[in-house]
């Protein structure tokens, strides 16, 4: 692609602005402009927006940058990515018609780029901002911080931050988010300590940063400090804290947070409810998880997914399938995560035929293309049942990776299938010679067969090569 152009759908975003940006109203009456602006304020759907845009073009109101900015802002406010793309296309039209953007236009456009992960387009917009002299506007600068933070360009983000003459809490938070998303929690912590003012988003960002780097204890310490500072948590804070508790498996602390949520009258909607279900499931209290599930008024697919996965982990396959069938009956959109939970439930409960049926119907009935996680679950299902030939057929029909090979190798250890286990170990070794799980598996396979000298030899080889066993992590299936 030509470096001077960036494609946005079928149009291009030029690196160079028109040499002259016409600011004349081109005989458009103030009445027509006000009418268009009023329509945009009451616009409710994409069809209406398209009609309003046609009216704007037909009456040459497109040279009024306030009207076009309102059009762009409406596109951004929608959660549909297609609308965000439209915002960029309207901006291209704006330049083509000779209308000059203003400082209110760019924050919406930059946020649209963040939403679309269109970071190269965002960088071109930054160039336009510099040419037009809007780079000192605090709202534009904050949107640039958000853009560069989302695309992982923390250096560019910091450059924008350092050049800001005035920084409000939103700007500080944007920089904080950039550091935590990049895993630079220590730098984020330093920035957090320097903040002249903090709000609930500041605290939540730090808690989230520690959860991201798997330091859940520190995340809970920050949560406690937040309360000591008199800052009331919001739903996002609660969700983040529950994630930390889930990682720790602390049922007592999870119940405390649940009670705190109820005492502060924080609504247990689909988002908070899903986090509570997940927390109780991972902390070993599946009945509490079900109680939360039953009390959610408007359950989303995420609620169903969490409940299905919870039952799956606890080996309650029939209960998981019952929840799945309820989601089907209510026509709640089944997604790929749902099917991972269903297949996992079948695997953990020995429901081989049912699991295979659901796997086979994923694409036909639900329109879901199986991913490696689904293949991993079905291989685990067949492996646990000792159906090694069928499991190998599944593996050979895909691009066999370490996950699938390792999943079946684990079943070989359970059933004492040394011959297949060694073959799988050799294939894993070709893909990753330093895989510690592979070496441990080989040692365990020999031990199952009573070949203690061979098992000890593998352990010695690990020691000689400096390979250490990695701590076990919970499997998806």
Protein backbone atom coordinates (compact mmCIF):
# COMPACT_ATOMS: atom_id res chain seq x y z
CA UNK A 1 0.00 0.00 0.00
CA UNK A 2 1.18 3.50 -0.82
CA UNK A 3 2.56 5.02 2.38
CA UNK A 4 0.92 8.36 1.55
CA UNK A 5 -2.54 6.83 1.68
CA UNK A 6 -4.38 4.74 4.22
CA UNK A 7 -7.43 2.81 3.12
CA UNK A 8 -10.65 3.20 5.08
CA UNK A 9 -13.21 0.91 3.46
CA UNK A 10 -13.30 2.02 -0.20
CA UNK A 11 -12.00 5.53 0.40
CA UNK A 12 -8.59 6.92 1.26
CA UNK A 13 -7.44 9.21 4.01
CA UNK A 14 -4.86 11.61 2.51
CA UNK A 15 -1.73 12.49 4.42
CA UNK A 16 -1.94 16.00 3.00
CA UNK A 17 -4.79 18.36 3.74
CA UNK A 18 -6.31 20.43 0.92
CA UNK A 19 -4.19 23.56 0.44
CA UNK A 20 -7.21 25.76 1.05
CA UNK A 21 -9.97 24.90 3.44
CA UNK A 22 -13.09 26.80 2.45
CA UNK A 23 -14.91 28.19 5.46
CA UNK A 24 -17.68 30.00 3.52
CA UNK A 25 -21.26 28.95 4.12
CA UNK A 26 -21.91 28.78 0.37
CA UNK A 27 -25.34 30.47 0.57
CA UNK A 28 -26.64 28.10 3.26
CA UNK A 29 -29.17 29.74 5.50
CA UNK A 30 -28.92 29.66 9.25
CA UNK A 31 -32.36 28.06 9.32
CA UNK A 32 -31.19 24.99 7.35
CA UNK A 33 -28.12 24.62 9.57
CA UNK A 34 -30.17 24.79 12.75
CA UNK A 35 -32.64 22.30 11.33
CA UNK A 36 -29.88 19.81 10.50
CA UNK A 37 -28.31 20.30 13.92
CA UNK A 38 -31.68 19.68 15.60
CA UNK A 39 -32.21 16.49 13.61
CA UNK A 40 -28.78 15.21 14.57
CA UNK A 41 -29.48 15.81 18.24
CA UNK A 42 -32.63 13.67 18.03
CA UNK A 43 -31.17 11.02 15.69
CA UNK A 44 -31.97 7.50 16.91
CA UNK A 45 -30.63 5.07 14.33
CA UNK A 46 -28.30 4.58 11.38
CA UNK A 47 -31.08 4.99 8.80
CA UNK A 48 -32.01 8.42 10.16
CA UNK A 49 -28.35 9.42 10.25
CA UNK A 50 -27.95 8.47 6.56
CA UNK A 51 -31.01 10.54 5.66
CA UNK A 52 -29.70 13.52 7.63
CA UNK A 53 -26.31 13.21 5.90
CA UNK A 54 -28.06 13.24 2.52
CA UNK A 55 -29.94 16.39 3.60
CA UNK A 56 -26.66 18.00 4.67
CA UNK A 57 -25.03 17.29 1.29
CA UNK A 58 -28.12 18.25 -0.72
CA UNK A 59 -28.32 21.64 0.98
CA UNK A 60 -24.54 22.21 1.09
CA UNK A 61 -24.50 22.35 4.90
CA UNK A 62 -21.40 20.16 4.84
CA UNK A 63 -19.25 23.29 5.02
CA UNK A 64 -20.50 23.96 8.55
CA UNK A 65 -17.92 22.19 10.71
CA UNK A 66 -20.19 22.16 13.77
CA UNK A 67 -22.84 20.18 11.89
CA UNK A 68 -20.27 17.69 10.54
CA UNK A 69 -18.67 17.36 13.98
CA UNK A 70 -22.09 16.50 15.41
CA UNK A 71 -22.46 13.86 12.70
CA UNK A 72 -19.06 12.41 13.57
CA UNK A 73 -19.84 12.43 17.30
CA UNK A 74 -23.08 10.54 16.72
CA UNK A 75 -21.18 7.85 14.83
CA UNK A 76 -18.67 7.48 17.66
CA UNK A 77 -21.34 7.26 20.36
CA UNK A 78 -22.68 4.04 18.83
CA UNK A 79 -21.17 0.73 19.94
CA UNK A 80 -21.30 -0.57 16.36
CA UNK A 81 -17.80 -0.53 14.75
CA UNK A 82 -19.43 0.26 11.39
CA UNK A 83 -20.49 3.62 12.79
CA UNK A 84 -16.92 4.37 13.86
CA UNK A 85 -15.79 3.66 10.30
CA UNK A 86 -18.49 6.01 9.03
CA UNK A 87 -17.12 8.75 11.27
CA UNK A 88 -13.77 8.51 9.46
CA UNK A 89 -15.49 8.47 6.07
CA UNK A 90 -17.46 11.61 6.97
CA UNK A 91 -14.17 13.24 7.94
CA UNK A 92 -12.75 12.40 4.51
CA UNK A 93 -15.83 13.96 2.91
CA UNK A 94 -15.38 16.98 5.16
CA UNK A 95 -11.88 17.54 3.77
CA UNK A 96 -13.01 16.86 0.21
CA UNK A 97 -15.72 19.52 0.46
CA UNK A 98 -13.21 22.04 1.76
CA UNK A 99 -14.69 22.34 5.24
CA UNK A 100 -12.17 22.97 7.99
CA UNK A 101 -12.29 20.62 11.02
CA UNK A 102 -12.14 22.16 14.48
CA UNK A 103 -10.76 21.06 17.83
CA UNK A 104 -14.07 19.36 18.69
CA UNK A 105 -13.89 17.11 15.62
CA UNK A 106 -10.66 15.29 16.42
CA UNK A 107 -11.37 13.75 19.84
CA UNK A 108 -14.27 11.78 18.32
CA UNK A 109 -12.17 10.71 15.33
CA UNK A 110 -9.24 9.61 17.49
CA UNK A 111 -11.56 7.60 19.73
CA UNK A 112 -13.08 6.02 16.61
CA UNK A 113 -9.57 4.96 15.57
CA UNK A 114 -9.01 3.43 19.02
CA UNK A 115 -12.29 1.54 18.77
CA UNK A 116 -11.36 0.20 15.32
CA UNK A 117 -7.69 -0.41 16.24
CA UNK A 118 -6.96 1.81 13.22
CA UNK A 119 -3.76 3.14 14.74
CA UNK A 120 -2.05 4.09 11.48
CA UNK A 121 -5.07 6.20 10.56
CA UNK A 122 -4.85 7.77 14.02
CA UNK A 123 -1.23 8.73 13.40
CA UNK A 124 -2.23 10.46 10.15
CA UNK A 125 -4.91 12.35 12.08
CA UNK A 126 -2.22 13.40 14.56
CA UNK A 127 -0.36 14.93 11.63
CA UNK A 128 -3.48 16.85 10.63
CA UNK A 129 -3.89 18.06 14.22
CA UNK A 130 -0.33 19.40 14.23
CA UNK A 131 -0.85 21.19 10.90
CA UNK A 132 -4.04 22.83 12.12
CA UNK A 133 -2.54 23.81 15.48
CA UNK A 134 -4.94 21.83 17.68
CA UNK A 135 -2.17 19.90 19.43
CA UNK A 136 -2.38 22.15 22.51
CA UNK A 137 -6.10 21.46 23.09
CA UNK A 138 -6.49 19.36 26.26
CA UNK A 139 -9.33 17.23 24.85
CA UNK A 140 -7.38 16.49 21.67
CA UNK A 141 -4.26 15.68 23.71
CA UNK A 142 -6.18 13.33 26.01
CA UNK A 143 -7.65 11.52 23.00
CA UNK A 144 -4.13 11.14 21.59
CA UNK A 145 -3.01 9.67 24.93
CA UNK A 146 -5.85 7.17 24.71
CA UNK A 147 -5.01 6.28 21.10
CA UNK A 148 -1.30 5.68 21.68
CA UNK A 149 -1.97 3.87 24.94
CA UNK A 150 -4.36 1.48 23.19
CA UNK A 151 -1.92 0.75 20.37
CA UNK A 152 0.91 0.10 22.84
CA UNK A 153 3.08 3.02 21.72
CA UNK A 154 3.86 4.12 25.26
CA UNK A 155 6.74 6.37 24.14
CA UNK A 156 4.47 8.42 21.86
CA UNK A 157 1.86 8.52 24.61
CA UNK A 158 4.39 9.84 27.14
CA UNK A 159 5.63 12.46 24.66
CA UNK A 160 2.10 13.81 24.34
CA UNK A 161 1.64 13.71 28.11
CA UNK A 162 4.90 15.57 28.84
CA UNK A 163 4.02 18.34 26.38
CA UNK A 164 0.65 19.04 27.98
CA UNK A 165 0.65 22.42 29.75
CA UNK A 166 -2.50 21.49 31.67
CA UNK A 167 -3.39 17.97 32.75
CA UNK A 168 -6.75 17.08 34.22
CA UNK A 169 -7.49 13.77 35.95
CA UNK A 170 -8.71 12.28 32.65
CA UNK A 171 -5.29 12.89 31.07
CA UNK A 172 -3.48 11.37 34.06
CA UNK A 173 -5.78 8.35 33.90
CA UNK A 174 -5.16 7.91 30.17
CA UNK A 175 -1.41 7.81 30.79
CA UNK A 176 -1.95 5.43 33.70
CA UNK A 177 -4.00 3.09 31.49
CA UNK A 178 -1.25 3.15 28.87
CA UNK A 179 1.36 1.97 31.37
CA UNK A 180 -0.82 -0.74 32.94
CA UNK A 181 -1.89 -2.13 29.56
CA UNK A 182 1.77 -2.39 28.62
CA UNK A 183 2.47 -4.29 31.86
CA UNK A 184 4.62 -1.44 33.22
CA UNK A 185 2.97 -1.49 36.64
CA UNK A 186 5.96 -0.12 38.57
CA UNK A 187 6.07 2.98 36.35
CA UNK A 188 2.29 3.25 36.64
CA UNK A 189 2.58 3.07 40.42
CA UNK A 190 5.09 5.95 40.39
CA UNK A 191 2.80 8.02 38.17
CA UNK A 192 -0.15 7.17 40.43
CA UNK A 193 1.75 8.49 43.45
CA UNK A 194 2.44 11.76 41.61
CA UNK A 195 -1.19 12.41 40.65
CA UNK A 196 -2.47 15.69 42.13
CA UNK A 197 -6.01 14.28 42.18
CA UNK A 198 -7.45 10.79 41.77
CA UNK A 199 -10.92 9.54 40.99
CA UNK A 200 -12.49 6.07 40.98
CA UNK A 201 -11.06 5.38 37.50
CA UNK A 202 -7.52 6.07 38.75
CA UNK A 203 -7.85 3.52 41.55
CA UNK A 204 -9.57 0.95 39.34
CA UNK A 205 -6.82 1.27 36.72
CA UNK A 206 -4.14 0.49 39.31
CA UNK A 207 -6.13 -2.48 40.66
CA UNK A 208 -6.56 -3.77 37.10
CA UNK A 209 -2.85 -3.31 36.41
CA UNK A 210 -1.88 -5.55 39.32
CA UNK A 211 -4.45 -8.18 38.30
CA UNK A 212 -3.00 -8.11 34.79
CA UNK A 213 0.50 -8.97 36.05
CA UNK A 214 -0.97 -11.64 38.37
CA UNK A 215 -0.26 -9.75 41.59
CA UNK A 216 -3.74 -10.16 43.01
CA UNK A 217 -2.70 -9.56 46.63
CA UNK A 218 -1.35 -6.12 45.71
CA UNK A 219 -4.56 -5.44 43.79
CA UNK A 220 -6.59 -6.09 46.94
CA UNK A 221 -4.25 -3.88 48.98
CA UNK A 222 -4.91 -1.00 46.57
CA UNK A 223 -8.65 -1.70 46.86
CA UNK A 224 -8.43 -1.43 50.65
CA UNK A 225 -6.40 1.78 50.35
CA UNK A 226 -9.05 3.12 47.99
CA UNK A 227 -11.74 2.62 50.63
CA UNK A 228 -9.57 4.20 53.31
CA UNK A 229 -9.33 7.28 51.08
CA UNK A 230 -13.12 7.47 50.96
CA UNK A 231 -13.43 6.68 47.25
CA UNK A 232 -16.60 4.73 46.46
CA UNK A 233 -16.01 1.83 44.03
CA UNK A 234 -18.09 1.57 40.88
CA UNK A 235 -19.15 -1.53 38.93
CA UNK A 236 -15.87 -1.73 37.03
CA UNK A 237 -13.93 -1.62 40.31
CA UNK A 238 -16.04 -4.45 41.72
CA UNK A 239 -15.56 -6.56 38.58
CA UNK A 240 -11.79 -6.03 38.71
CA UNK A 241 -11.57 -6.85 42.43
CA UNK A 242 -13.64 -10.01 41.95
CA UNK A 243 -11.19 -11.06 39.24
CA UNK A 244 -8.33 -10.72 41.74
CA UNK A 245 -10.24 -12.75 44.33
CA UNK A 246 -10.98 -15.44 41.72
CA UNK A 247 -7.25 -15.75 41.06
CA UNK A 248 -6.58 -16.17 44.79
CA UNK A 249 -9.50 -18.53 45.40
CA UNK A 250 -10.43 -16.67 48.59
CA UNK A 251 -14.08 -17.50 49.24
CA UNK A 252 -14.20 -15.51 52.48
CA UNK A 253 -12.99 -12.33 50.78
CA UNK A 254 -15.32 -12.97 47.84
CA UNK A 255 -18.31 -13.14 50.17
CA UNK A 256 -17.18 -9.92 51.84
CA UNK A 257 -17.10 -8.10 48.49
CA UNK A 258 -20.51 -9.55 47.59
CA UNK A 259 -21.93 -8.24 50.88
CA UNK A 260 -20.23 -4.90 50.25
CA UNK A 261 -21.89 -4.67 46.83
CA UNK A 262 -25.30 -5.29 48.37
CA UNK A 263 -24.72 -2.85 51.24
CA UNK A 264 -23.73 -0.07 48.82
CA UNK A 265 -26.71 -0.93 46.60
CA UNK A 266 -24.49 -1.47 43.56
CA UNK A 267 -26.68 -3.07 40.90
CA UNK A 268 -25.86 -6.71 40.22
CA UNK A 269 -26.40 -6.56 36.48
CA UNK A 270 -25.08 -8.92 33.83
CA UNK A 271 -21.50 -7.68 34.19
CA UNK A 272 -21.23 -7.74 37.99
CA UNK A 273 -23.33 -10.91 38.12
CA UNK A 274 -21.02 -12.71 35.70
CA UNK A 275 -18.00 -11.78 37.82
CA UNK A 276 -19.71 -13.03 40.99
CA UNK A 277 -20.65 -16.33 39.33
CA UNK A 278 -17.08 -16.76 38.11
CA UNK A 279 -15.65 -15.88 41.53
CA UNK A 280 -17.87 -18.30 43.47
CA UNK A 281 -17.21 -21.08 40.94
CA UNK A 282 -13.44 -20.65 41.17
CA UNK A 283 -13.58 -20.38 44.96
CA UNK A 284 -15.38 -23.74 45.18
CA UNK A 285 -18.90 -22.57 46.02
CA UNK A 286 -20.98 -23.59 43.00
CA UNK A 287 -24.27 -23.30 44.93
CA UNK A 288 -23.55 -19.65 45.72
CA UNK A 289 -22.75 -19.13 42.03
CA UNK A 290 -26.11 -20.60 41.06
CA UNK A 291 -27.89 -18.42 43.62
CA UNK A 292 -26.36 -15.30 42.03
CA UNK A 293 -27.28 -16.58 38.56
CA UNK A 294 -30.92 -17.12 39.53
CA UNK A 295 -31.23 -13.61 40.99
CA UNK A 296 -29.98 -11.72 37.91
CA UNK A 297 -33.02 -10.13 36.27
CA UNK A 298 -31.65 -9.74 32.76
CA UNK A 299 -29.10 -12.44 32.08
CA UNK A 300 -26.64 -11.93 29.24
CA UNK A 301 -24.81 -14.68 27.37
CA UNK A 302 -21.83 -13.93 29.62
CA UNK A 303 -23.92 -14.93 32.66
CA UNK A 304 -24.82 -18.23 31.01
CA UNK A 305 -21.23 -18.83 29.93
CA UNK A 306 -19.95 -18.27 33.47
CA UNK A 307 -22.55 -20.64 34.94
CA UNK A 308 -21.90 -23.34 32.34
CA UNK A 309 -18.13 -23.08 32.86
CA UNK A 310 -18.60 -23.17 36.63
CA UNK A 311 -20.58 -26.38 36.45
CA UNK A 312 -18.02 -27.79 34.01
CA UNK A 313 -15.10 -27.18 36.38
CA UNK A 314 -17.04 -28.86 39.20
CA UNK A 315 -17.77 -31.91 37.04
CA UNK A 316 -21.52 -31.22 36.96
CA UNK A 317 -22.10 -31.89 33.29
CA UNK A 318 -25.86 -32.47 33.42
CA UNK A 319 -26.39 -29.15 35.22
CA UNK A 320 -24.18 -27.35 32.68
CA UNK A 321 -26.16 -28.81 29.77
CA UNK A 322 -29.41 -27.78 31.47
CA UNK A 323 -28.23 -24.15 31.66
CA UNK A 324 -27.10 -24.34 28.03
CA UNK A 325 -30.50 -25.61 26.91
CA UNK A 326 -32.17 -22.77 28.79
CA UNK A 327 -30.00 -20.28 26.88
CA UNK A 328 -31.02 -22.01 23.64
CA UNK A 329 -34.69 -21.95 24.57
CA UNK A 330 -34.56 -18.22 25.39
CA UNK A 331 -32.66 -17.59 22.14
CA UNK A 332 -29.77 -15.91 23.90
CA UNK A 333 -26.94 -15.70 21.37
CA UNK A 334 -24.73 -18.76 21.75
CA UNK A 335 -21.06 -17.90 21.11
CA UNK A 336 -17.72 -19.70 20.94
CA UNK A 337 -17.16 -19.28 24.70
CA UNK A 338 -20.48 -21.02 25.37
CA UNK A 339 -19.38 -24.02 23.33
CA UNK A 340 -16.04 -24.24 25.15
CA UNK A 341 -17.99 -24.48 28.41
CA UNK A 342 -20.37 -27.10 27.02
CA UNK A 343 -17.58 -29.28 25.60
CA UNK A 344 -15.59 -28.91 28.80
CA UNK A 345 -18.63 -29.95 30.85
CA UNK A 346 -19.10 -33.05 28.71
CA UNK A 347 -15.40 -33.87 29.03
CA UNK A 348 -15.32 -33.57 32.82
CA UNK A 349 -18.50 -35.62 33.20
CA UNK A 350 -17.80 -38.40 30.71
CA UNK A 351 -20.64 -37.36 28.38
CA UNK A 352 -18.73 -38.51 25.32
CA UNK A 353 -21.54 -38.96 22.78
CA UNK A 354 -23.26 -35.74 23.81
CA UNK A 355 -20.02 -33.78 23.66
CA UNK A 356 -19.15 -35.13 20.23
CA UNK A 357 -22.66 -34.28 19.02
CA UNK A 358 -22.32 -30.67 20.18
CA UNK A 359 -18.86 -30.39 18.62
CA UNK A 360 -20.18 -31.77 15.32
CA UNK A 361 -23.12 -29.32 15.32
CA UNK A 362 -21.11 -26.18 16.17
CA UNK A 363 -20.84 -24.94 12.61
CA UNK A 364 -24.00 -26.55 11.22
CA UNK A 365 -26.44 -25.45 13.92
CA UNK A 366 -24.81 -22.50 15.66
CA UNK A 367 -22.64 -21.06 12.89
CA UNK A 368 -19.53 -21.19 15.09
CA UNK A 369 -16.20 -22.13 13.51
CA UNK A 370 -14.27 -24.40 15.91
CA UNK A 371 -11.07 -22.87 17.30
CA UNK A 372 -8.08 -24.53 18.93
CA UNK A 373 -9.84 -24.31 22.32
CA UNK A 374 -12.78 -26.34 21.00
CA UNK A 375 -10.46 -28.90 19.42
CA UNK A 376 -8.60 -29.07 22.72
CA UNK A 377 -11.84 -29.82 24.57
CA UNK A 378 -12.94 -32.56 22.17
CA UNK A 379 -9.47 -34.16 22.24
CA UNK A 380 -9.61 -34.03 26.04
CA UNK A 381 -13.11 -35.57 25.97
CA UNK A 382 -12.02 -38.46 23.75
CA UNK A 383 -8.70 -38.90 25.55
CA UNK A 384 -10.32 -39.15 28.98
CA UNK A 385 -12.64 -41.82 27.56
CA UNK A 386 -9.65 -43.75 26.18
CA UNK A 387 -10.73 -43.18 22.56
CA UNK A 388 -7.22 -42.47 21.33
CA UNK A 389 -7.80 -43.32 17.66
CA UNK A 390 -10.68 -40.85 17.40
CA UNK A 391 -8.66 -38.21 19.27
CA UNK A 392 -5.72 -38.67 16.89
CA UNK A 393 -8.07 -38.26 13.91
CA UNK A 394 -9.15 -34.89 15.31
CA UNK A 395 -5.52 -33.84 15.85
CA UNK A 396 -4.45 -34.94 12.36
CA UNK A 397 -7.36 -33.01 10.80
CA UNK A 398 -6.01 -29.76 12.25
CA UNK A 399 -2.67 -28.02 12.49
CA UNK A 400 -1.59 -29.97 15.55
CA UNK A 401 -0.03 -27.66 18.10
CA UNK A 402 1.47 -28.23 21.53
CA UNK A 403 -1.88 -27.66 23.26
CA UNK A 404 -3.66 -30.48 21.41
CA UNK A 405 -0.70 -32.86 21.58
CA UNK A 406 -0.18 -32.12 25.27
CA UNK A 407 -3.87 -32.60 26.03
CA UNK A 408 -3.89 -36.09 24.54
CA UNK A 409 -0.53 -36.91 26.10
CA UNK A 410 -2.05 -36.11 29.50
CA UNK A 411 -4.75 -38.70 28.83
CA UNK A 412 -2.08 -41.22 27.81
CA UNK A 413 -0.59 -40.85 31.27
CA UNK A 414 -3.98 -41.47 32.91
CA UNK A 415 -4.60 -44.62 30.85
CA UNK A 416 -0.98 -45.78 30.83
CA UNK A 417 -0.69 -45.64 27.03
CA UNK A 418 3.10 -45.40 26.97
CA UNK A 419 3.53 -46.04 23.24
CA UNK A 420 1.28 -43.20 22.06
CA UNK A 421 2.47 -40.97 24.90
CA UNK A 422 6.09 -41.29 23.73
CA UNK A 423 5.10 -40.58 20.13
CA UNK A 424 3.26 -37.43 21.21
CA UNK A 425 6.21 -36.43 23.38
CA UNK A 426 8.53 -36.67 20.36
CA UNK A 427 6.21 -34.46 18.32
CA UNK A 428 5.99 -31.90 21.12
CA UNK A 429 9.79 -31.93 21.43
CA UNK A 430 10.12 -31.02 17.75
CA UNK A 431 7.84 -28.02 18.31
CA UNK A 432 9.38 -26.94 21.64
CA UNK A 433 12.56 -28.69 22.87
CA UNK A 434 12.57 -26.73 26.16
CA UNK A 435 9.01 -27.62 27.16
CA UNK A 436 9.20 -28.60 30.84
CA UNK A 437 5.72 -30.11 30.77
CA UNK A 438 6.91 -32.54 28.11
CA UNK A 439 9.82 -33.76 30.24
CA UNK A 440 7.61 -34.19 33.30
CA UNK A 441 5.08 -36.07 31.18
CA UNK A 442 7.72 -38.49 29.88
CA UNK A 443 8.94 -39.09 33.41
CA UNK A 444 5.39 -39.77 34.63
CA UNK A 445 4.67 -42.11 31.72
CA UNK A 446 7.72 -44.19 32.59
CA UNK A 447 6.69 -44.19 36.25
CA UNK A 448 3.18 -45.45 35.40
CA UNK A 449 4.78 -48.39 33.59
CA UNK A 450 7.13 -49.04 36.52
CA UNK A 451 10.18 -47.97 34.52
CA UNK A 452 11.77 -46.12 37.41
CA UNK A 453 15.29 -45.89 35.97
CA UNK A 454 13.98 -44.28 32.77
CA UNK A 455 11.84 -41.89 34.82
CA UNK A 456 14.83 -40.87 36.93
CA UNK A 457 16.88 -40.42 33.75
CA UNK A 458 14.39 -37.90 32.38
CA UNK A 459 14.48 -35.97 35.66
CA UNK A 460 18.30 -35.92 35.58
CA UNK A 461 18.19 -34.67 31.99
CA UNK A 462 15.91 -31.82 33.09
CA UNK A 463 18.33 -30.90 35.84
CA UNK A 464 21.36 -31.03 33.52
CA UNK A 465 19.62 -28.79 30.97
CA UNK A 466 18.43 -26.35 33.63
CA UNK A 467 14.78 -27.01 32.80
CA UNK A 468 12.44 -26.49 35.72
CA UNK A 469 8.86 -27.61 36.05
CA UNK A 470 6.49 -24.70 35.57
CA UNK A 471 3.66 -24.29 38.09
CA UNK A 472 0.41 -25.87 36.93
CA UNK A 473 -2.33 -23.59 35.67
CA UNK A 474 -5.99 -24.42 35.41
CA UNK A 475 -6.88 -26.04 32.11
CA UNK A 476 -9.76 -24.85 29.94
CA UNK A 477 -11.07 -28.40 29.58
